Protein backbone atom coordinates (compact mmCIF):
# COMPACT_ATOMS: atom_id res chain seq x y z
CA MET A 1 -0.15 -0.18 0.40
CA ASP A 2 1.74 3.03 -0.84
CA GLU A 3 -0.10 6.09 -0.33
CA THR A 4 2.04 9.09 -1.84
CA THR A 5 2.99 9.98 -5.00
CA ASP A 6 6.85 10.77 -5.79
CA ALA A 7 7.18 14.46 -5.24
CA SER A 8 9.18 17.14 -7.49
CA PRO A 9 12.81 17.65 -6.59
CA SER A 10 12.10 21.27 -5.79
CA SER A 11 9.33 20.08 -3.15
CA LYS A 12 11.21 17.92 -1.33
CA LEU A 13 11.82 18.42 1.61
CA HIS A 14 15.87 18.93 2.91
CA THR A 15 16.42 16.18 5.15
CA ARG A 16 20.38 17.13 6.07
CA LEU A 17 21.97 20.64 6.39
CA ARG A 18 25.36 22.15 7.28
CA LEU A 19 24.86 24.96 9.57
CA TRP A 20 27.24 27.69 9.90
CA GLU A 21 27.23 30.14 12.42
CA PHE A 22 28.76 33.84 11.79
CA PRO A 23 28.82 36.82 13.92
CA ASP A 24 26.52 38.29 12.07
CA SER A 25 24.24 35.51 10.59
CA TYR A 26 23.25 31.62 10.17
CA ILE A 27 23.26 29.49 6.78
CA PHE A 28 21.78 26.79 6.23
CA GLU A 29 23.66 25.01 3.54
CA PRO A 30 21.76 21.51 2.26
CA ILE A 31 23.98 18.76 1.66
CA ASP A 32 21.56 16.50 0.34
CA GLY A 33 22.10 17.87 -2.97
CA LEU A 34 18.04 18.97 -3.23
CA ALA A 35 19.39 22.72 -4.30
CA ASP A 36 22.32 24.87 -4.50
CA LEU A 37 20.83 27.93 -2.85
CA TYR A 38 21.83 28.48 0.86
CA LEU A 39 18.88 29.96 3.45
CA SER A 40 20.37 32.77 5.23
CA VAL A 41 19.31 34.26 8.53
CA SER A 42 20.47 37.19 10.08
CA ARG A 43 21.31 37.39 13.48
CA THR A 44 20.27 40.90 14.25
CA SER A 45 16.60 40.91 12.66
CA GLY A 46 16.08 37.19 11.94
CA THR A 47 15.20 37.91 8.19
CA MET A 48 15.41 35.36 5.79
CA ASN A 49 17.23 35.09 2.24
CA LEU A 50 17.91 32.31 -0.11
CA VAL A 51 21.61 33.12 -1.29
CA GLN A 52 24.04 31.51 -3.48
CA ASP A 53 27.33 31.56 -1.83
CA LEU A 54 28.49 31.60 1.88
CA PRO A 55 30.00 34.95 3.14
CA SER A 56 33.50 35.14 2.59
CA ARG A 57 35.85 33.62 5.57
CA GLY A 58 39.50 35.35 6.29
CA PRO A 59 41.62 33.63 8.72
CA THR A 60 40.33 35.59 11.72
CA THR A 61 36.35 34.87 10.84
CA LYS A 62 35.07 32.75 13.70
CA HIS A 63 32.30 30.58 13.07
CA LYS A 64 30.76 27.27 14.06
CA VAL A 65 30.00 24.08 12.01
CA GLN A 66 27.22 21.69 12.83
CA THR A 67 24.88 19.14 10.81
CA VAL A 68 21.11 19.62 11.65
CA TYR A 69 18.27 17.73 10.48
CA GLY A 70 15.62 20.39 9.78
CA VAL A 71 13.63 23.23 10.70
CA ILE A 72 10.96 23.19 13.21
CA GLY A 73 10.11 26.48 12.72
CA VAL A 74 10.92 30.50 14.02
CA LEU A 75 9.42 31.61 17.13
CA LYS A 76 9.00 35.46 17.19
CA LEU A 77 9.13 37.56 20.22
CA ALA A 78 9.67 41.30 21.00
CA VAL A 79 12.90 41.82 20.96
CA GLY A 80 14.39 39.23 17.98
CA SER A 81 13.42 35.68 16.22
CA TYR A 82 14.48 32.43 17.55
CA PHE A 83 15.15 29.71 15.22
CA VAL A 84 14.48 26.01 16.33
CA VAL A 85 16.21 23.12 15.01
CA VAL A 86 16.84 19.85 14.99
CA THR A 87 19.91 18.63 15.87
CA ASP A 88 19.54 15.01 16.09
CA ARG A 89 17.23 12.24 15.36
CA ASP A 90 16.53 8.60 15.33
CA CYS A 91 14.93 6.39 12.96
CA VAL A 92 12.25 4.90 14.81
CA GLY A 93 10.26 2.79 12.07
CA SER A 94 8.70 3.21 8.58
CA TYR A 95 5.13 4.29 7.49
CA PHE A 96 3.62 2.67 4.72
CA GLY A 97 7.69 2.45 3.05
CA HIS A 98 8.85 6.16 4.43
CA ALA A 99 11.15 6.64 7.30
CA ILE A 100 9.84 8.00 10.68
CA PHE A 101 12.16 10.16 12.83
CA LYS A 102 11.94 11.05 16.22
CA VAL A 103 13.17 14.16 17.49
CA THR A 104 16.18 13.61 19.77
CA GLY A 105 17.99 16.75 19.88
CA LEU A 106 16.73 20.58 19.72
CA LYS A 107 18.68 23.66 19.56
CA VAL A 108 17.38 27.23 19.65
CA LEU A 109 19.31 29.40 17.76
CA PRO A 110 18.24 33.31 18.91
CA CYS A 111 18.55 35.74 16.56
CA ASN A 112 18.29 39.19 18.75
CA ASN A 113 21.62 41.01 18.36
CA ALA A 114 19.66 44.30 18.16
CA HIS A 115 18.92 43.09 22.20
CA ASN A 116 21.57 46.00 23.25
CA THR A 117 19.24 48.58 22.01
CA THR A 118 15.97 47.85 23.43
CA SER A 119 14.23 48.52 26.26
CA ALA A 120 15.10 47.68 30.08
CA GLU A 121 11.50 46.72 30.31
CA GLN A 122 12.16 44.19 27.17
CA LYS A 123 15.08 43.06 28.26
CA LYS A 124 13.65 41.98 31.37
CA MET A 125 10.73 40.43 29.60
CA GLU A 126 13.37 38.42 27.16
CA SER A 127 15.02 37.20 30.18
CA GLU A 128 12.10 35.85 31.33
CA PHE A 129 11.26 33.98 28.09
CA SER A 130 15.35 32.39 28.16
CA GLU A 131 13.70 29.90 31.11
CA LEU A 132 10.92 28.93 28.59
CA LEU A 133 13.00 28.40 25.67
CA ASP A 134 15.02 25.92 27.76
CA ALA A 135 11.96 24.03 28.71
CA ALA A 136 10.94 24.38 25.09
CA GLU A 137 14.78 22.61 23.92
CA ARG A 138 13.37 19.71 26.38
CA THR A 139 10.03 19.12 24.64
CA VAL A 140 9.64 15.03 24.29
CA GLY A 141 7.74 12.96 22.07
CA LEU A 142 8.33 14.97 18.63
CA HIS A 143 8.05 12.63 15.23
CA PHE A 144 8.78 13.10 11.56
CA SER A 145 8.77 12.34 8.10
CA TYR A 146 10.50 13.88 5.20
CA ASP A 147 8.12 12.22 2.75
CA ILE A 148 4.70 11.00 3.91
CA ASN A 149 2.06 13.07 5.91
CA LEU A 150 2.22 11.38 9.85
CA THR A 151 -0.99 13.68 10.75
CA LEU A 152 -3.42 11.65 8.77
CA SER A 153 -4.34 8.29 9.57
CA ALA A 154 -4.56 5.04 6.42
CA GLN A 155 -7.71 5.49 5.96
CA ARG A 156 -7.83 9.31 5.54
CA LEU A 157 -4.13 9.17 3.55
CA HIS A 158 -5.99 6.57 1.47
CA ASP A 159 -8.89 8.80 1.03
CA LEU A 160 -6.75 11.71 -0.42
CA GLY A 161 -6.94 12.25 -4.29
CA ASP A 162 -4.09 12.48 -6.43
CA GLU A 163 -4.16 16.37 -6.68
CA TYR A 164 -4.34 16.78 -3.24
CA ARG A 165 -1.27 14.44 -2.35
CA ALA A 166 0.91 16.23 -4.84
CA LEU A 167 0.84 19.46 -2.40
CA PRO A 168 3.58 19.80 0.08
CA LEU A 169 3.33 18.02 3.27
CA TRP A 170 2.50 20.88 5.43
CA ARG A 171 -0.49 21.82 3.14
CA GLN A 172 -1.52 18.53 3.32
CA ALA A 173 -1.50 18.13 7.75
CA GLU A 174 -4.11 17.48 9.73
CA PRO A 175 -4.14 21.23 11.33
CA ARG A 176 -4.97 19.56 15.15
CA PHE A 177 -2.34 17.43 15.13
CA LEU A 178 0.38 19.65 13.07
CA TRP A 179 2.75 20.35 16.89
CA ASN A 180 4.86 23.29 14.87
CA ALA A 181 1.95 24.76 12.59
CA TYR A 182 2.72 28.69 14.76
CA LEU A 183 6.00 28.25 14.30
CA LEU A 184 6.16 27.34 10.91
CA GLU A 185 4.58 30.65 9.85
CA PRO A 186 7.72 33.05 9.03
CA LEU A 187 8.65 30.03 6.90
CA ILE A 188 5.30 29.83 4.78
CA GLU A 189 5.56 33.99 4.82
CA ASN A 190 8.87 33.62 3.18
CA LYS A 191 7.71 30.91 0.53
CA LEU A 192 10.71 28.02 1.73
CA ASN A 193 8.49 25.27 1.00
CA GLN A 194 11.92 22.65 1.20
CA TYR A 195 12.68 24.04 5.01
CA LEU A 196 8.81 23.23 6.04
CA LEU A 197 8.75 20.25 8.14
CA PRO A 198 5.71 19.24 9.62
CA VAL A 199 6.18 17.95 13.10
CA ILE A 200 3.77 15.35 15.40
CA GLN A 201 3.82 15.21 19.56
CA GLY A 202 3.13 11.96 20.68
CA SER A 203 4.34 8.37 19.84
CA PHE A 204 5.52 5.83 16.97
CA GLN A 205 5.90 2.11 17.45
CA ASN A 206 6.60 -0.90 15.73
CA ILE A 207 6.62 -4.38 16.27
CA GLN A 208 7.19 -7.91 13.92
CA ALA A 209 5.94 -11.04 14.75
CA GLU A 210 5.37 -14.51 13.01
CA VAL A 211 2.56 -16.44 13.54
CA GLY A 212 3.09 -20.15 11.24
CA SER A 213 4.23 -19.01 7.97
CA GLU A 214 3.26 -15.50 8.13
CA LYS A 215 4.85 -12.13 9.18
CA VAL A 216 2.73 -9.75 10.66
CA ASN A 217 3.87 -6.11 11.14
CA VAL A 218 1.99 -3.95 13.65
CA THR A 219 2.53 0.00 13.99
CA LEU A 220 1.43 2.34 17.07
CA ILE A 221 1.10 5.93 16.54
CA ALA A 222 0.14 8.70 18.68
CA ARG A 223 -0.77 11.89 17.54
CA ARG A 224 -1.50 14.78 20.23
CA CYS A 225 -4.08 17.47 19.60
CA THR A 226 -2.60 21.02 19.77
CA ARG A 227 -5.62 22.28 20.64
CA ARG A 228 -5.69 22.50 24.60
CA ILE A 229 -1.76 21.04 24.89
CA GLY A 230 -0.65 21.42 28.29
CA THR A 231 0.48 19.46 31.42
CA ARG A 232 -1.80 17.44 33.90
CA MET A 233 -3.19 20.14 36.51
CA TRP A 234 -2.77 23.16 34.35
CA ARG A 235 -4.98 21.47 31.44
CA ARG A 236 -8.41 19.90 32.30
CA GLY A 237 -11.72 19.50 30.66
CA ALA A 238 -12.27 21.37 27.40
CA ASP A 239 -12.28 25.35 26.57
CA ALA A 240 -15.01 26.56 25.28
CA GLU A 241 -14.91 25.70 21.84
CA GLY A 242 -15.12 22.08 22.89
CA TYR A 243 -10.85 21.32 22.45
CA ALA A 244 -10.33 18.65 25.36
CA ALA A 245 -6.92 18.33 26.91
CA ASN A 246 -4.58 15.42 26.52
CA PHE A 247 -6.65 14.87 23.19
CA VAL A 248 -4.47 12.01 21.64
CA GLU A 249 -5.71 9.57 18.46
CA SER A 250 -3.99 6.53 18.84
CA GLU A 251 -3.68 4.65 15.52
CA GLN A 252 -3.06 0.77 14.98
CA ILE A 253 -1.85 -0.29 12.13
CA MET A 254 -1.86 -3.94 11.19
CA GLN A 255 0.36 -5.30 7.81
CA SER A 256 0.26 -9.32 6.45
CA LYS A 257 0.14 -11.03 3.76
CA GLY A 258 -0.40 -7.90 1.36
CA PHE A 259 -3.11 -6.61 3.41
CA THR A 260 -3.29 -3.41 5.10
CA ALA A 261 -5.61 -2.49 8.61
CA SER A 262 -6.01 0.02 10.73
CA TYR A 263 -8.25 1.17 13.92
CA VAL A 264 -8.70 4.45 15.48
CA GLN A 265 -9.35 5.44 18.85
CA VAL A 266 -9.20 8.80 20.77
CA ARG A 267 -8.52 9.94 24.23
CA GLY A 268 -9.56 13.16 26.22
CA SER A 269 -10.68 14.87 29.07
CA MET A 270 -14.19 15.30 29.66
CA PRO A 271 -15.14 17.60 27.61
CA PHE A 272 -16.73 20.55 29.34
CA LEU A 273 -15.45 23.41 31.87
CA TRP A 274 -13.51 21.78 34.81
CA GLU A 275 -10.48 22.54 36.50
CA GLN A 276 -8.07 21.33 39.48
CA ILE A 277 -5.54 23.74 40.56
CA VAL A 278 -2.62 22.60 42.23
CA ASP A 279 -2.21 23.46 46.32
CA LEU A 280 0.07 21.16 47.77
CA THR A 281 -2.37 18.73 48.71
CA TYR A 282 -1.89 15.12 47.14
CA LYS A 283 -5.29 15.27 45.44
CA PRO A 284 -6.64 18.81 44.52
CA SER A 285 -10.38 19.07 44.72
CA PHE A 286 -11.96 18.99 41.05
CA ASP A 287 -14.19 22.15 40.23
CA ILE A 288 -16.71 22.16 37.84
CA VAL A 289 -17.18 25.83 36.16
CA ARG A 290 -20.22 27.24 34.80
CA GLN A 291 -22.04 24.41 34.97
CA GLU A 292 -24.74 25.80 32.73
CA GLU A 293 -22.41 26.00 29.76
CA ALA A 294 -21.96 22.25 29.91
CA PRO A 295 -24.03 20.99 27.52
CA ARG A 296 -23.56 22.89 25.15
CA VAL A 297 -19.56 22.62 25.11
CA LEU A 298 -20.10 19.26 25.07
CA GLU A 299 -22.14 19.28 22.20
CA ARG A 300 -19.46 21.24 19.89
CA HIS A 301 -17.09 18.74 20.94
CA PHE A 302 -18.78 15.30 19.58
CA HIS A 303 -20.59 17.40 16.78
CA ASP A 304 -16.84 17.94 15.86
CA LEU A 305 -16.00 14.32 16.44
CA GLN A 306 -18.75 13.01 14.54
CA LYS A 307 -17.46 14.74 11.48
CA LYS A 308 -13.66 13.62 11.87
CA TYR A 309 -14.79 10.19 12.75
CA GLY A 310 -18.14 9.04 12.52
CA ALA A 311 -19.88 7.21 15.31
CA VAL A 312 -18.72 7.95 18.77
CA LEU A 313 -18.95 5.39 21.63
CA ALA A 314 -17.74 7.35 24.99
CA VAL A 315 -16.30 5.44 27.62
CA ASP A 316 -16.16 7.03 30.89
CA LEU A 317 -13.95 5.00 33.27
CA VAL A 318 -13.90 7.41 36.12
CA ASN A 319 -15.48 6.44 39.76
CA THR A 320 -19.02 6.53 41.06
CA GLY A 321 -18.43 8.21 44.25
CA GLY A 322 -16.50 11.15 45.76
CA GLY A 323 -15.22 14.37 43.20
CA GLU A 324 -14.60 11.88 40.71
CA GLY A 325 -18.59 10.89 40.97
CA ARG A 326 -19.79 14.52 40.66
CA LEU A 327 -18.06 15.01 37.38
CA ARG A 328 -19.26 11.43 36.02
CA GLU A 329 -23.05 13.06 36.99
CA ARG A 330 -22.25 15.96 34.54
CA TYR A 331 -20.81 14.56 32.11
CA ALA A 332 -23.74 11.89 32.11
CA LYS A 333 -26.41 14.73 32.08
CA SER A 334 -24.29 16.82 29.86
CA ILE A 335 -24.56 14.16 27.05
CA GLU A 336 -27.84 13.41 27.60
CA PRO A 337 -30.17 15.42 25.15
CA ILE A 338 -27.26 14.48 22.19
CA LEU A 339 -27.56 10.86 22.56
CA SER A 340 -28.30 8.79 19.83
CA GLU A 341 -27.34 5.69 17.68
CA ASP A 342 -23.97 7.70 16.61
CA ILE A 343 -23.41 9.23 20.05
CA ILE A 344 -23.34 6.63 22.91
CA TYR A 345 -22.14 6.80 26.68
CA VAL A 346 -21.21 3.96 28.91
CA HIS A 347 -19.94 4.73 32.03
CA PHE A 348 -17.62 1.89 33.61
CA ASP A 349 -16.29 2.29 37.18
CA PHE A 350 -12.86 0.96 36.35
CA HIS A 351 -11.52 0.98 40.31
CA ARG A 352 -14.91 -0.98 41.39
CA VAL A 353 -14.74 -3.63 38.95
CA CYS A 354 -11.09 -4.10 38.49
CA GLY A 355 -10.04 -2.74 42.18
CA HIS A 356 -5.64 -2.40 41.37
CA ILE A 357 -5.23 -5.97 40.11
CA HIS A 358 -8.34 -7.50 38.50
CA PHE A 359 -8.07 -5.49 35.33
CA GLU A 360 -9.03 -9.30 33.58
CA ARG A 361 -12.49 -7.95 34.45
CA LEU A 362 -12.15 -5.60 31.78
CA SER A 363 -13.99 -8.53 29.61
CA GLN A 364 -16.94 -6.90 31.10
CA LEU A 365 -17.00 -3.48 29.57
CA TYR A 366 -15.69 -5.50 26.24
CA ASP A 367 -19.38 -7.95 26.42
CA GLN A 368 -21.07 -4.08 26.91
CA ILE A 369 -19.50 -2.58 23.74
CA LYS A 370 -18.83 -5.42 21.43
CA ASP A 371 -21.68 -5.05 18.90
CA TYR A 372 -20.85 -1.38 18.45
CA LEU A 373 -17.39 -2.11 17.70
CA GLN A 374 -18.61 -4.85 14.90
CA LYS A 375 -21.06 -2.82 13.41
CA HIS A 376 -18.68 -0.26 12.88
CA LYS A 377 -15.44 -1.98 11.78
CA TYR A 378 -12.32 -0.80 10.97
CA PHE A 379 -10.22 -0.03 8.04
CA LEU A 380 -9.09 -2.55 5.53
CA VAL A 381 -7.49 -2.90 2.02
CA ASN A 382 -5.93 -5.33 0.31
CA ASP A 383 -2.47 -5.82 -1.66
CA LYS A 384 -3.90 -4.02 -4.83
CA GLY A 385 -4.79 -0.83 -2.59
CA GLU A 386 -8.40 -1.76 -3.01
CA LYS A 387 -10.71 -0.75 0.55
CA ILE A 388 -12.50 -3.54 1.76
CA GLU A 389 -13.49 -2.10 4.68
CA GLU A 390 -13.89 1.32 6.36
CA GLN A 391 -14.14 2.23 9.80
CA THR A 392 -17.62 4.63 10.38
CA GLY A 393 -16.98 4.78 13.90
CA THR A 394 -14.63 5.05 16.45
CA VAL A 395 -14.41 5.04 20.53
CA ARG A 396 -13.37 7.79 22.87
CA THR A 397 -12.15 6.81 26.09
CA ASN A 398 -11.38 8.99 29.42
CA CYS A 399 -10.65 8.68 32.94
CA ILE A 400 -9.32 11.74 35.02
CA ASP A 401 -6.30 12.07 33.57
CA CYS A 402 -6.66 9.80 30.30
CA LEU A 403 -3.80 8.05 31.12
CA ASP A 404 -3.71 4.99 33.52
CA ARG A 405 -6.83 3.44 33.28
CA THR A 406 -7.60 4.80 29.95
CA ASN A 407 -4.28 3.12 28.30
CA VAL A 408 -5.20 -0.28 29.95
CA THR A 409 -8.79 0.00 28.54
CA GLN A 410 -7.22 1.26 24.95
CA SER A 411 -5.15 -1.78 24.85
CA MET A 412 -7.82 -4.22 25.60
CA ILE A 413 -10.02 -2.74 22.63
CA GLY A 414 -7.24 -3.21 20.43
CA ARG A 415 -5.95 -6.09 21.03
CA LYS A 416 -9.77 -7.64 20.33
CA ILE A 417 -9.73 -5.58 16.99
CA LEU A 418 -6.70 -6.79 16.27
CA GLU A 419 -7.53 -10.65 16.85
CA SER A 420 -10.71 -9.77 14.45
CA GLN A 421 -8.28 -8.39 11.20
CA LEU A 422 -5.82 -10.89 11.67
CA GLN A 423 -8.64 -13.55 11.94
CA ARG A 424 -10.36 -11.75 8.55
CA ILE A 425 -7.09 -12.21 6.23
CA GLY A 426 -6.88 -15.84 7.07
CA VAL A 427 -3.70 -15.14 9.98
CA PHE A 428 -5.78 -16.42 13.10
CA GLY A 429 -8.17 -19.47 12.67
CA ALA A 430 -11.42 -19.13 14.20
CA GLY A 431 -10.82 -18.39 18.23
CA ASP A 432 -7.50 -17.69 17.57
CA THR A 433 -5.79 -15.09 19.89
CA ILE A 434 -2.86 -13.05 20.17
CA SER A 435 -2.34 -14.72 24.08
CA LYS A 436 -2.04 -18.28 22.22
CA HIS A 437 1.17 -16.69 20.44
CA PRO A 438 3.79 -16.12 23.34
CA ALA A 439 6.24 -14.14 21.33
CA PHE A 440 3.80 -11.95 19.79
CA ASP A 441 1.71 -11.67 22.82
CA THR A 442 4.82 -10.37 24.69
CA ASN A 443 5.91 -7.98 21.97
CA TYR A 444 2.22 -6.72 21.91
CA LYS A 445 1.84 -5.98 25.32
CA ILE A 446 5.36 -4.04 25.54
CA LEU A 447 3.98 -2.09 22.37
CA TRP A 448 1.55 -1.07 24.50
CA ALA A 449 2.79 0.23 27.50
CA ASN A 450 5.63 1.98 25.62
CA HIS A 451 2.10 3.80 23.91
CA GLY A 452 1.12 4.93 26.93
CA ASP A 453 4.32 5.77 28.55
CA ALA A 454 5.09 8.01 25.86
CA ILE A 455 1.33 9.91 26.14
CA SER A 456 2.06 10.06 29.92
CA ILE A 457 5.14 11.56 30.30
CA GLN A 458 4.15 14.35 27.66
CA TYR A 459 1.53 15.19 30.33
CA SER A 460 2.44 14.28 33.58
CA GLY A 461 6.03 14.08 33.36
CA THR A 462 6.05 10.04 34.35
CA PRO A 463 5.09 6.94 32.92
CA ALA A 464 1.89 5.43 32.78
CA LEU A 465 0.39 3.98 35.89
CA LYS A 466 -0.52 0.42 35.61
CA GLY A 467 1.75 0.01 33.06
CA ASP A 468 3.14 -3.56 34.34
CA PHE A 469 -0.54 -5.01 33.34
CA VAL A 470 -0.46 -3.74 29.95
CA ARG A 471 3.14 -4.60 30.19
CA TYR A 472 2.96 -8.28 31.43
CA GLY A 473 -0.56 -8.86 31.52
CA LYS A 474 -0.76 -9.12 35.51
CA ARG A 475 0.02 -6.90 38.64
CA THR A 476 3.40 -7.26 39.77
CA THR A 477 5.04 -6.13 42.81
CA GLU A 478 7.71 -4.16 40.79
CA GLY A 479 5.30 -2.58 38.98
CA ILE A 480 3.13 -1.45 42.13
CA LEU A 481 6.32 0.29 43.65
CA ASN A 482 6.96 1.92 40.50
CA ASP A 483 3.62 3.15 40.36
CA LEU A 484 4.29 4.69 43.80
CA ARG A 485 7.16 6.59 42.63
CA ASN A 486 5.71 7.74 39.59
CA ALA A 487 2.88 9.23 41.57
CA LEU A 488 5.55 10.89 43.99
CA GLY A 489 7.23 12.06 40.70
CA ARG A 490 4.10 13.52 39.33
CA TYR A 491 2.94 15.10 42.93
CA TYR A 492 6.17 17.07 42.28
CA PHE A 493 6.04 17.59 38.86
CA ASN A 494 2.48 19.38 39.08
CA ASN A 495 3.40 21.35 42.15
CA PHE A 496 6.72 22.68 41.40
CA VAL A 497 7.65 22.08 37.75
CA ASP A 498 4.58 21.96 35.34
CA GLY A 499 3.68 25.57 35.86
CA THR A 500 6.99 26.48 33.44
CA LYS A 501 6.30 23.84 31.52
CA GLN A 502 2.99 25.11 30.76
CA ASP A 503 3.77 28.51 29.75
CA ALA A 504 6.30 27.33 27.38
CA MET A 505 3.96 24.94 25.69
CA ASP A 506 1.62 27.79 25.35
CA LEU A 507 4.77 30.21 23.70
CA LEU A 508 5.18 27.53 21.37
CA GLN A 509 1.96 26.99 20.29
CA GLY A 510 0.98 30.56 19.87
CA HIS A 511 -1.33 30.74 22.79
CA TYR A 512 0.76 33.45 23.89
CA MET A 513 2.35 35.88 21.70
CA THR A 514 5.26 38.68 22.01
CA SER A 515 5.66 39.80 18.45
CA VAL A 516 6.36 43.12 17.45
CA SER A 517 3.79 42.14 14.85
CA ARG A 518 1.10 41.56 17.53
CA ASP A 519 -0.53 43.13 20.19
CA MET A 520 2.10 42.61 22.96
CA ALA A 521 0.73 41.49 26.39
CA VAL A 522 3.06 40.93 29.50
CA PRO A 523 2.66 38.86 31.59
CA SER A 524 0.67 38.98 34.49
CA LYS A 525 2.66 41.11 37.60
CA ALA A 526 2.76 38.73 41.08
CA GLY A 527 1.46 40.31 43.78
CA LEU A 528 3.85 40.62 47.05
CA LEU A 529 3.08 37.50 48.46
CA GLU A 530 3.44 35.55 44.97
CA SER A 531 6.79 37.54 44.50
CA TYR A 532 8.53 36.17 47.49
CA ALA A 533 6.67 32.98 48.20
CA SER A 534 8.95 30.05 47.98
CA PHE A 535 8.52 26.56 48.98
CA ARG A 536 12.05 26.09 49.01
CA LEU A 537 12.49 28.73 51.47
CA ALA A 538 9.16 27.73 53.97
CA PHE A 539 10.86 23.90 53.72
CA ALA A 540 14.43 25.10 54.85
CA LEU A 541 12.92 27.54 57.53
CA VAL A 542 10.54 24.43 58.99
CA MET A 543 13.67 22.49 58.96
CA GLY A 544 15.79 24.48 60.70
CA ALA A 545 13.19 25.36 63.15
CA LEU A 546 13.13 21.71 63.79
CA MET A 547 17.05 21.00 64.37
CA PHE A 548 16.81 24.30 66.60
CA MET A 549 13.89 22.82 68.87
CA MET A 550 15.49 19.52 68.85
CA MET A 551 18.74 21.10 70.17
CA SER A 552 16.49 22.99 72.65
CA LEU A 553 15.00 20.08 74.23
CA ARG A 554 17.99 18.49 74.61
CA GLN A 555 19.47 21.63 76.95
CA ALA A 556 16.19 21.33 78.68
CA ARG A 557 17.50 19.34 81.51
CA ASN A 558 19.91 21.50 82.39
CA ASP A 559 18.31 24.92 81.90
CA VAL A 560 14.12 25.30 81.82
CA ARG A 561 14.53 28.37 79.70
CA HIS A 562 15.39 25.66 76.89
CA LEU A 563 12.07 23.69 76.63
CA LEU A 564 10.55 27.45 76.19
CA LEU A 565 12.93 28.01 73.66
CA SER A 566 11.69 24.53 71.97
CA LEU A 567 8.53 25.15 72.12
CA LEU A 568 8.61 28.71 70.16
CA TRP A 569 10.54 26.74 67.76
CA ALA A 570 7.64 24.37 67.39
CA GLY A 571 5.50 26.95 67.23
CA PHE A 572 7.24 28.66 64.39
CA CYS A 573 7.41 25.44 62.73
CA ILE A 574 3.21 25.07 62.57
CA GLY A 575 2.90 28.48 62.25
CA ILE A 576 5.07 28.34 58.53
CA THR A 577 3.35 24.73 57.78
CA HIS A 578 -0.11 26.32 58.33
CA PHE A 579 0.73 29.25 56.74
CA VAL A 580 1.76 27.48 53.72
CA ARG A 581 -0.95 25.04 53.86
CA ALA A 582 -3.51 27.83 53.77
CA ASN A 583 -1.57 29.62 50.92
CA GLY A 584 -1.36 26.48 49.43
CA ARG A 585 -1.60 27.87 45.27
CA THR A 586 0.95 30.29 46.30
CA PHE A 587 3.53 28.07 46.79
CA THR A 588 3.55 26.00 43.81
CA ASN A 589 5.20 26.49 40.24
CA ARG A 590 2.25 28.08 38.46
CA PRO A 591 1.77 29.20 34.72
CA ARG A 592 2.41 32.95 34.54
CA PHE A 593 0.10 33.13 31.39
CA HIS A 594 -2.46 30.98 32.70
CA LYS A 595 -5.81 32.43 34.05
CA SER A 596 -8.26 30.60 35.73
CA ARG A 597 -11.76 30.29 34.07
CA HIS A 598 -13.47 31.43 37.50
């Protein structure tokens, strides 16, 4: 199955560039034989031009040279531009015969030599942004191809006309999944088509297995939607337009005996306005915002899904009681007016039914959704490229984070679909399952476990919980201990790291813009408490007070005044602890560009 036609040399993307760093310019020299012109970028203004020759270099000319593998885009800030380039990549597999690469190295090239002439206020602003640019260089999960549109599923690629396939890759891209759409704008304006490299954030994994005499290739792709991109606690629910947080399209592709089959399912936060702002507690309370708007927001979300996927089965895995129960009730009540044959809602209390170890009980959920899966089928083409089956509906799964419970559930659905596909093309016999082929079963579990870990790291900062069940088919002591460590890691990232990370994401996506050509907004100024509040300082003061209290208690036997002094230090500890708890939100790492919907 070949989904692309050969592009003309003038439209092919550059795969290797030699980057020359001169004092006044950056020069990108194509070394892939696709062009003779060089891209020159001014380090003062960020202006771009195609030139025929390198600048003259004398014996005293200082320059650096390195190989880069693409330009992610350009970020325009108030006092300069920043080019984001790929400095390292790994080939992680192929998509219909075309190589797929994972970005393993990013570099931000500043074009702000004019910084010396800017105002003190702009200098301060740019200094603050430098921390965000450092965070941007650490972005994970970026994937790209020089030859094929990675933003579209196999079914949508198959349905494209030849005229559409002939367009440059960035013109073909699905806007929701084009991670660098905003960064590409300056390159598009300058018509630098050979430098317009479309990038997705997500994951790409592949396994191969042998079933009897047949080889089976399984690929799993995650495509993260950028509309409401963000971190675990700072992006919950949906926005007013119906775009949900942590919305990810997962596509499982099977190739064997000349057949290609695909199944797409999605995950995303419960699609109405709600939030869970960190406040140093382990599990902050859920807050439903503007409840009266929930039906409208939810309707927008599901109608958008219908346009793109057809029928939608919403599987809600949250708890029946507690704070999660309040969200479930709002979800169920708000979706009720739009329920139909094409929009179905199923609630399955994952924790009540499966607990923490009996995940095999997910078969109860499968029994509820089996008829829907069989009705809406999957995408299938034969060795001639002829479509035999078409997927006409998807499953939308959510828990609270849309990570751990969701990944376990999606892996179960993916397994059932894959078994059905293999039976259909004759690789499996009737009643045959993946678990009857130990090597295939092991690799398939690892495939989905890695998929879940990649999505989880991008959203929460840690691998997925419950990953041992997905990876090994059972809960293990090591897995439970890993879950404890990852849960503590999530607490740390959510409270003390993710605010800055959220700002960096918003900056790269153009959700916050500080461009000289656009309205320029300054990050909100912190109040007096916010300016000086520091959890590290408070923690150091408490530990210091505890140390002095213990020292005083040791001396209390000889002098009663030390007993009073120890009580004073104890009171100091309690006072600081109470103050920090009462002002928990102030002591967390909060996004400066984020505003609560209250």
